[in-house]
Amino acid sequence: MQIYGLKNCDTCRKAMKALPGAVLVDVRAEGVPDEVLARAYEAFGDKLLNTRSTTWRQLDEAARGLPPLAVIKATPSVMKRPLIAVDNQLFLGWNSAVEADVKASL
């Protein structure tokens, strides 16, 4: 199980604590593999882009106008976090419902 997020993100830390067997992949340092990113966009669409984040607000209009996958590749911290990969399933965000779904898939 991999958690794609940021090592200093509180939500990602909560997910890591609840899922002790998971490996954190820091998207700033390592990025998200193209195949995982494409599957995530197919599953979650524009929800994959966190348009309420400070990072998003700091982007200029030209960057905001790019396709979502291009924006995430250029600025990985604008991706909604965490993105959790368990076998062939993907989960986005972290709340009690996502936690239950992830644990049920293990």
Protein backbone atom coordinates (compact mmCIF):
# COMPACT_ATOMS: atom_id res chain seq x y z
CA MET A 1 0.00 0.00 0.00
CA GLN A 2 1.30 3.42 -0.96
CA ILE A 3 0.17 6.82 0.18
CA TYR A 4 0.99 9.59 -2.26
CA GLY A 5 1.18 12.84 -0.33
CA LEU A 6 3.52 15.15 1.51
CA LYS A 7 5.57 14.18 4.55
CA ASN A 8 4.62 17.41 6.33
CA CYS A 9 0.87 17.21 5.54
CA ASP A 10 -1.22 16.63 8.67
CA THR A 11 -3.85 14.65 6.75
CA CYS A 12 -1.19 12.38 5.26
CA ARG A 13 0.29 11.86 8.72
CA LYS A 14 -3.13 10.81 10.05
CA ALA A 15 -3.46 8.31 7.21
CA MET A 16 0.04 6.94 7.87
CA LYS A 17 -0.74 6.53 11.56
CA ALA A 18 -3.99 4.67 10.82
CA LEU A 19 -2.35 2.49 8.14
CA PRO A 20 0.96 1.35 9.68
CA GLY A 21 1.87 -0.92 6.76
CA ALA A 22 1.70 1.91 4.23
CA VAL A 23 4.66 3.56 2.52
CA LEU A 24 4.56 7.33 2.07
CA VAL A 25 5.62 8.55 -1.36
CA ASP A 26 6.42 12.26 -1.06
CA VAL A 27 5.02 13.76 -4.24
CA ARG A 28 7.34 16.79 -4.07
CA ALA A 29 10.46 14.64 -3.90
CA GLU A 30 9.44 11.60 -5.94
CA GLY A 31 6.35 12.62 -7.91
CA VAL A 32 3.48 10.32 -8.80
CA PRO A 33 4.09 7.63 -11.45
CA ASP A 34 2.35 8.49 -14.73
CA GLU A 35 0.30 5.29 -14.69
CA VAL A 36 -1.00 5.96 -11.15
CA LEU A 37 -1.75 9.59 -11.97
CA ALA A 38 -3.66 8.61 -15.12
CA ARG A 39 -5.71 6.00 -13.23
CA ALA A 40 -6.43 8.50 -10.45
CA TYR A 41 -7.60 11.12 -12.92
CA GLU A 42 -9.80 8.55 -14.64
CA ALA A 43 -11.33 7.59 -11.27
CA PHE A 44 -11.65 11.02 -9.63
CA GLY A 45 -11.57 13.53 -12.49
CA ASP A 46 -11.16 17.16 -11.48
CA LYS A 47 -11.50 16.22 -7.79
CA LEU A 48 -7.84 15.18 -8.01
CA LEU A 49 -6.92 18.87 -8.23
CA ASN A 50 -7.15 20.74 -4.92
CA THR A 51 -8.43 24.12 -6.07
CA ARG A 52 -8.88 25.34 -2.49
CA SER A 53 -5.21 25.03 -1.60
CA THR A 54 -2.77 27.87 -1.09
CA THR A 55 -0.61 26.38 -3.84
CA TRP A 56 -3.50 26.62 -6.32
CA ARG A 57 -4.22 30.23 -5.37
CA GLN A 58 -0.57 31.13 -5.96
CA LEU A 59 -0.59 29.77 -9.53
CA ASP A 60 -0.99 32.29 -12.34
CA GLU A 61 -3.91 32.11 -14.76
CA ALA A 62 -1.78 30.45 -17.44
CA ALA A 63 -0.87 27.58 -15.09
CA ARG A 64 -4.47 27.21 -13.90
CA GLY A 65 -5.60 26.91 -17.52
CA LEU A 66 -3.44 23.86 -18.20
CA PRO A 67 -4.96 20.37 -18.19
CA PRO A 68 -5.20 19.03 -14.59
CA LEU A 69 -2.58 16.32 -15.08
CA ALA A 70 -0.11 18.87 -16.46
CA VAL A 71 -0.70 21.13 -13.44
CA ILE A 72 -0.14 18.23 -11.02
CA LYS A 73 3.03 17.14 -12.83
CA ALA A 74 4.42 20.70 -12.72
CA THR A 75 3.26 21.41 -9.16
CA PRO A 76 2.64 18.10 -7.32
CA SER A 77 1.55 19.78 -4.09
CA VAL A 78 -1.65 20.97 -5.81
CA MET A 79 -2.92 17.36 -5.88
CA LYS A 80 -5.58 16.51 -3.31
CA ARG A 81 -4.00 14.40 -0.61
CA PRO A 82 -3.60 11.68 0.27
CA LEU A 83 -3.98 9.47 -2.78
CA ILE A 84 -3.90 5.91 -1.47
CA ALA A 85 -3.11 2.95 -3.72
CA VAL A 86 -4.06 -0.52 -2.45
CA ASP A 87 -3.48 -3.22 -5.05
CA ASN A 88 -5.59 -2.02 -8.01
CA GLN A 89 -7.81 0.31 -5.98
CA LEU A 90 -7.35 4.04 -5.44
CA PHE A 91 -8.75 6.19 -2.65
CA LEU A 92 -8.64 9.99 -2.45
CA GLY A 93 -8.64 12.12 0.68
CA TRP A 94 -8.88 11.01 4.28
CA ASN A 95 -11.93 10.78 6.50
CA SER A 96 -13.65 8.01 8.44
CA ALA A 97 -15.45 6.70 5.35
CA VAL A 98 -12.22 6.50 3.30
CA GLU A 99 -10.43 4.90 6.24
CA ALA A 100 -13.15 2.23 6.50
CA ASP A 101 -13.05 1.59 2.75
CA VAL A 102 -9.25 1.26 2.74
CA LYS A 103 -9.21 -1.09 5.73
CA ALA A 104 -12.01 -3.18 4.18
CA SER A 105 -9.96 -3.62 1.01
CA LEU A 106 -6.95 -5.02 2.89
